[in-house]
Amino acid sequence: MKKLLALFLAVIMVAALLPMSAFAKTSSITTWKALQDAITGAGTTETTIQLTCDITALETDSSLTIGEGQKITIDLNGFVLNRGMFDSDGKDISFLFSGNDCSILVKGELTIKDSNPTKVHKFNVYEEEGGSNFGRWYLNEASGTEEVAGGVITGSSYDAVHIDDGKLTLEGGNIVGNAGDVGTGVYAKHGTVVMNGGSICGNVSAKGGGVYIEDHSNFIMNNGEICNNNGASGGGLFVFCSTFTMNNGKITKNGIYDCTAGG
């Protein structure tokens, strides 16, 4: 009996030393606010949140925020996370929102994955000339001509993912159809980006339509694709005072309006 008790206590002690993690898959997360509440409620416990439906932000919603010390994984699970700043015709309606901010602000660590990479979403290409949105893809599930397989983060007129002293790991999913000044797919300042899969495509900005990294950031591309983005400089990728390492993957079909930085 004493041996069994000692063994039981040893197992409990080992379990206590293991890192704690949580998994949230619940139909109650159907709104932007509920998703933020789930992220906030995770605290510093490493947590995976799996989407079970498409989620579109309201005009009163702010950025989803991954705080300092947090380790959050968002599993898109084939669904759409839409900031909602473009209408069904692709026109910018961000002036209706209380704050023109990004979809996801990362001050801690965020991993984006996708458990349903075969689900297809359709987009059109915005072709109204004379504006900064020209060439941006916008969601049109009914009659879109461009197809994207897997979950999607879309619809921001600022940045889709804005990294401020944090880290983004992109394992899967797609960051598509965002527009703004710099790095509207992914923007990093004093941050780290690791791309192991997924795609960043159909985004438009003045600099770094797909990805913009600055101020001693680090971008490691191991796989995935950066494509069909547009920018006055660095349509696909713009690197300023930072480091970019490309081990694999594709950077292709990006448009540059001013050849002052990479494609």
Protein backbone atom coordinates (compact mmCIF):
# COMPACT_ATOMS: atom_id res chain seq x y z
CA MET A 1 0.00 0.00 0.00
CA LYS A 2 2.83 2.40 0.87
CA LYS A 3 4.47 1.67 -2.49
CA LEU A 4 1.23 2.42 -4.33
CA LEU A 5 0.77 5.66 -2.40
CA ALA A 6 4.35 6.72 -3.18
CA LEU A 7 3.82 5.94 -6.86
CA PHE A 8 0.57 7.92 -6.91
CA LEU A 9 2.24 10.94 -5.30
CA ALA A 10 5.12 10.73 -7.78
CA VAL A 11 2.70 10.79 -10.72
CA ILE A 12 0.92 13.83 -9.25
CA MET A 13 4.23 15.66 -8.80
CA VAL A 14 5.30 14.95 -12.40
CA ALA A 15 1.94 16.10 -13.73
CA ALA A 16 2.26 19.33 -11.77
CA LEU A 17 5.54 20.06 -13.55
CA LEU A 18 4.08 19.63 -17.04
CA PRO A 19 3.05 22.78 -18.94
CA MET A 20 -0.63 23.53 -18.64
CA SER A 21 -2.70 24.03 -21.78
CA ALA A 22 -6.37 24.36 -22.64
CA PHE A 23 -8.55 23.75 -25.68
CA ALA A 24 -11.71 25.70 -26.42
CA LYS A 25 -14.11 24.51 -29.11
CA THR A 26 -17.53 25.86 -28.41
CA SER A 27 -20.53 27.03 -30.40
CA SER A 28 -20.85 29.94 -27.96
CA ILE A 29 -17.99 31.71 -29.76
CA THR A 30 -20.09 33.20 -32.55
CA THR A 31 -19.16 36.89 -32.23
CA TRP A 32 -16.01 38.99 -32.31
CA LYS A 33 -16.55 39.97 -28.67
CA ALA A 34 -16.99 36.35 -27.56
CA LEU A 35 -13.72 35.46 -29.27
CA GLN A 36 -11.94 38.30 -27.46
CA ASP A 37 -13.50 37.19 -24.17
CA ALA A 38 -12.14 33.66 -24.76
CA ILE A 39 -8.67 35.05 -25.48
CA THR A 40 -8.73 37.32 -22.43
CA GLY A 41 -10.10 34.54 -20.23
CA ALA A 42 -7.22 32.26 -21.16
CA GLY A 43 -4.82 34.45 -19.20
CA THR A 44 -1.30 33.05 -19.40
CA THR A 45 -2.49 29.46 -19.88
CA GLU A 46 -1.43 28.20 -23.31
CA THR A 47 -4.75 27.90 -25.13
CA THR A 48 -6.10 26.74 -28.48
CA ILE A 49 -9.37 28.24 -29.70
CA GLN A 50 -11.06 26.51 -32.63
CA LEU A 51 -13.64 28.39 -34.66
CA THR A 52 -16.97 26.68 -35.32
CA CYS A 53 -18.50 29.32 -37.60
CA ASP A 54 -17.67 32.43 -39.63
CA ILE A 55 -17.21 35.52 -37.44
CA THR A 56 -17.57 39.13 -38.63
CA ALA A 57 -16.72 42.16 -36.48
CA LEU A 58 -19.30 44.82 -35.70
CA GLU A 59 -18.66 48.54 -36.17
CA THR A 60 -18.13 48.90 -32.41
CA ASP A 61 -15.61 46.05 -32.14
CA SER A 62 -11.90 46.69 -31.61
CA SER A 63 -8.85 44.61 -32.47
CA LEU A 64 -8.60 41.13 -31.06
CA THR A 65 -5.67 41.45 -28.66
CA ILE A 66 -3.15 38.81 -27.64
CA GLY A 67 -1.63 40.32 -24.50
CA GLU A 68 1.90 40.15 -23.17
CA GLY A 69 2.68 36.74 -21.70
CA GLN A 70 -0.15 35.02 -23.58
CA LYS A 71 0.29 32.00 -25.87
CA ILE A 72 -2.82 31.63 -28.02
CA THR A 73 -3.50 29.36 -30.98
CA ILE A 74 -6.43 30.21 -33.24
CA ASP A 75 -7.57 27.28 -35.36
CA LEU A 76 -9.54 28.79 -38.22
CA ASN A 77 -10.99 25.34 -38.96
CA GLY A 78 -11.94 26.41 -42.50
CA PHE A 79 -13.99 29.42 -41.37
CA VAL A 80 -13.71 33.17 -42.03
CA LEU A 81 -12.58 35.77 -39.49
CA ASN A 82 -13.73 39.02 -41.09
CA ARG A 83 -12.90 42.52 -39.78
CA GLY A 84 -15.86 43.72 -41.85
CA MET A 85 -14.40 46.98 -43.18
CA PHE A 86 -15.37 46.31 -46.83
CA ASP A 87 -18.88 45.85 -48.19
CA SER A 88 -20.10 43.13 -50.55
CA ASP A 89 -18.85 45.16 -53.54
CA GLY A 90 -15.40 45.57 -52.01
CA LYS A 91 -15.79 49.26 -51.14
CA ASP A 92 -14.09 50.59 -48.01
CA ILE A 93 -16.60 51.29 -45.23
CA SER A 94 -14.08 51.63 -42.40
CA PHE A 95 -15.34 55.18 -41.75
CA LEU A 96 -18.37 53.55 -40.11
CA PHE A 97 -16.20 51.90 -37.47
CA SER A 98 -15.45 53.48 -34.11
CA GLY A 99 -11.76 52.67 -34.54
CA ASN A 100 -9.77 52.02 -37.73
CA ASP A 101 -7.58 49.32 -36.23
CA CYS A 102 -6.18 45.92 -37.12
CA SER A 103 -7.89 42.55 -36.96
CA ILE A 104 -5.45 41.01 -34.46
CA LEU A 105 -2.93 42.85 -32.28
CA VAL A 106 -0.15 40.56 -31.05
CA LYS A 107 1.86 41.53 -27.98
CA GLY A 108 2.32 37.94 -26.82
CA GLU A 109 2.52 34.81 -28.98
CA LEU A 110 -0.08 33.86 -31.59
CA THR A 111 -0.18 30.71 -33.70
CA ILE A 112 -2.63 30.50 -36.59
CA LYS A 113 -3.51 27.02 -37.86
CA ASP A 114 -6.26 25.48 -39.95
CA SER A 115 -7.81 22.04 -39.35
CA ASN A 116 -9.98 22.27 -42.47
CA PRO A 117 -7.66 23.34 -45.32
CA THR A 118 -9.95 22.09 -48.11
CA LYS A 119 -12.96 24.34 -47.50
CA VAL A 120 -13.16 26.81 -50.39
CA HIS A 121 -13.89 30.55 -50.11
CA LYS A 122 -14.39 32.85 -53.08
CA PHE A 123 -13.05 36.35 -53.67
CA ASN A 124 -13.25 39.02 -56.36
CA VAL A 125 -10.54 41.52 -57.27
CA TYR A 126 -11.34 45.18 -56.60
CA GLU A 127 -10.74 47.02 -59.89
CA GLU A 128 -11.94 50.58 -59.28
CA GLU A 129 -8.94 52.61 -60.40
CA GLY A 130 -7.55 55.70 -58.76
CA GLY A 131 -7.63 54.41 -55.19
CA SER A 132 -5.32 52.60 -52.79
CA ASN A 133 -7.59 49.54 -52.83
CA PHE A 134 -6.99 48.69 -56.49
CA GLY A 135 -6.08 45.01 -56.84
CA ARG A 136 -7.24 44.01 -53.36
CA TRP A 137 -9.25 40.83 -53.10
CA TYR A 138 -12.61 40.98 -51.34
CA LEU A 139 -14.86 38.21 -50.10
CA ASN A 140 -17.70 37.22 -52.42
CA GLU A 141 -18.78 33.66 -51.65
CA ALA A 142 -21.62 33.75 -54.20
CA SER A 143 -19.78 34.75 -57.37
CA GLY A 144 -16.08 35.26 -56.64
CA THR A 145 -13.60 34.36 -59.37
CA GLU A 146 -10.59 33.74 -57.12
CA GLU A 147 -10.65 30.70 -54.83
CA VAL A 148 -8.83 30.22 -51.53
CA ALA A 149 -8.75 26.85 -49.79
CA GLY A 150 -8.95 26.84 -46.01
CA GLY A 151 -9.76 29.32 -43.26
CA VAL A 152 -9.38 33.05 -43.90
CA ILE A 153 -8.54 36.26 -42.04
CA THR A 154 -9.82 39.18 -44.10
CA GLY A 155 -11.56 42.54 -44.24
CA SER A 156 -9.23 44.99 -42.45
CA SER A 157 -8.36 48.45 -43.79
CA TYR A 158 -5.40 48.61 -41.40
CA ASP A 159 -3.47 45.35 -40.82
CA ALA A 160 -4.77 41.83 -40.57
CA VAL A 161 -2.13 40.87 -38.00
CA HIS A 162 -0.17 43.64 -36.25
CA ILE A 163 2.79 42.41 -34.19
CA ASP A 164 4.16 44.74 -31.53
CA ASP A 165 7.00 43.07 -29.56
CA GLY A 166 5.22 39.75 -30.09
CA LYS A 167 5.46 36.62 -32.23
CA LEU A 168 3.29 35.18 -34.99
CA THR A 169 3.61 31.59 -36.19
CA LEU A 170 1.58 30.88 -39.30
CA GLU A 171 1.06 27.12 -39.63
CA GLY A 172 -1.92 27.30 -42.00
CA GLY A 173 -4.86 29.37 -43.08
CA ASN A 174 -4.93 32.41 -45.35
CA ILE A 175 -4.53 36.15 -44.74
CA VAL A 176 -6.39 37.64 -47.68
CA GLY A 177 -7.95 40.89 -48.83
CA ASN A 178 -6.75 43.62 -46.47
CA ALA A 179 -5.70 47.18 -47.35
CA GLY A 180 -3.89 50.05 -45.65
CA ASP A 181 -0.63 51.98 -45.43
CA VAL A 182 2.00 49.34 -44.59
CA GLY A 183 2.04 45.56 -44.25
CA THR A 184 -1.68 44.97 -44.45
CA GLY A 185 -1.29 41.19 -44.41
CA VAL A 186 1.24 41.05 -41.59
CA TYR A 187 3.04 43.98 -39.95
CA ALA A 188 5.81 43.48 -37.38
CA LYS A 189 7.69 45.99 -35.23
CA HIS A 190 10.25 44.53 -32.81
CA GLY A 191 8.54 41.23 -33.58
CA THR A 192 9.06 37.73 -34.95
CA VAL A 193 7.19 36.06 -37.80
CA VAL A 194 7.60 32.36 -38.57
CA MET A 195 5.74 31.13 -41.65
CA ASN A 196 5.50 27.34 -41.84
CA GLY A 197 2.46 27.18 -44.11
CA GLY A 198 -0.65 28.97 -45.28
CA SER A 199 -0.79 31.96 -47.59
CA ILE A 200 -0.73 35.75 -47.53
CA CYS A 201 -2.39 36.99 -50.70
CA GLY A 202 -4.59 39.63 -52.29
CA ASN A 203 -3.56 42.42 -49.89
CA VAL A 204 -2.74 46.03 -50.88
CA SER A 205 -0.72 48.79 -49.20
CA ALA A 206 1.76 51.55 -49.95
CA LYS A 207 4.63 49.44 -48.59
CA GLY A 208 4.71 45.69 -48.14
CA GLY A 209 1.26 44.69 -49.35
CA GLY A 210 1.75 41.18 -48.01
CA VAL A 211 4.28 41.59 -45.19
CA TYR A 212 6.11 44.59 -43.72
CA ILE A 213 8.74 44.13 -41.02
CA GLU A 214 10.75 46.89 -39.36
CA ASP A 215 12.78 47.92 -36.31
CA HIS A 216 14.81 44.76 -35.71
CA SER A 217 12.08 42.28 -36.52
CA ASN A 218 12.80 38.77 -37.76
CA PHE A 219 10.87 36.92 -40.47
CA ILE A 220 11.64 33.24 -41.12
CA MET A 221 9.81 31.68 -44.08
CA ASN A 222 9.95 27.87 -44.00
CA ASN A 223 6.96 27.20 -46.25
CA GLY A 224 3.72 28.74 -47.49
CA GLU A 225 3.09 31.35 -50.15
CA ILE A 226 3.07 35.15 -50.44
CA CYS A 227 1.27 35.98 -53.69
CA ASN A 228 -0.91 38.44 -55.60
CA ASN A 229 -0.26 41.32 -53.19
CA ASN A 230 0.27 44.89 -54.40
CA GLY A 231 2.20 47.87 -53.07
CA ALA A 232 3.88 51.05 -54.24
CA SER A 233 7.04 49.49 -52.77
CA GLY A 234 7.54 45.84 -51.93
CA GLY A 235 4.28 44.37 -53.15
CA GLY A 236 4.89 41.03 -51.47
CA LEU A 237 7.43 41.88 -48.78
CA PHE A 238 9.13 45.01 -47.43
CA VAL A 239 12.06 44.64 -45.01
CA PHE A 240 13.37 47.68 -43.12
CA CYS A 241 16.18 47.40 -40.55
CA SER A 242 15.18 43.77 -39.99
CA THR A 243 16.10 40.22 -41.02
CA PHE A 244 14.39 37.95 -43.54
CA THR A 245 15.39 34.30 -43.97
CA MET A 246 13.75 32.23 -46.70
CA ASN A 247 14.28 28.47 -46.34
CA ASN A 248 11.38 27.37 -48.52
CA GLY A 249 8.00 28.53 -49.80
CA LYS A 250 7.00 30.86 -52.64
CA ILE A 251 6.89 34.61 -53.17
CA THR A 252 5.20 35.11 -56.52
CA LYS A 253 2.90 37.27 -58.66
CA ASN A 254 3.15 40.33 -56.43
CA GLY A 255 2.82 43.79 -57.98
CA ILE A 256 5.20 46.71 -57.39
CA TYR A 257 4.23 50.21 -58.45
CA ASP A 258 7.58 51.77 -57.46
CA CYS A 259 10.71 49.62 -57.71
CA THR A 260 12.37 50.79 -54.50
CA ALA A 261 12.08 47.53 -52.57
CA GLY A 262 11.51 43.82 -53.01
CA GLY A 263 8.63 42.02 -54.63
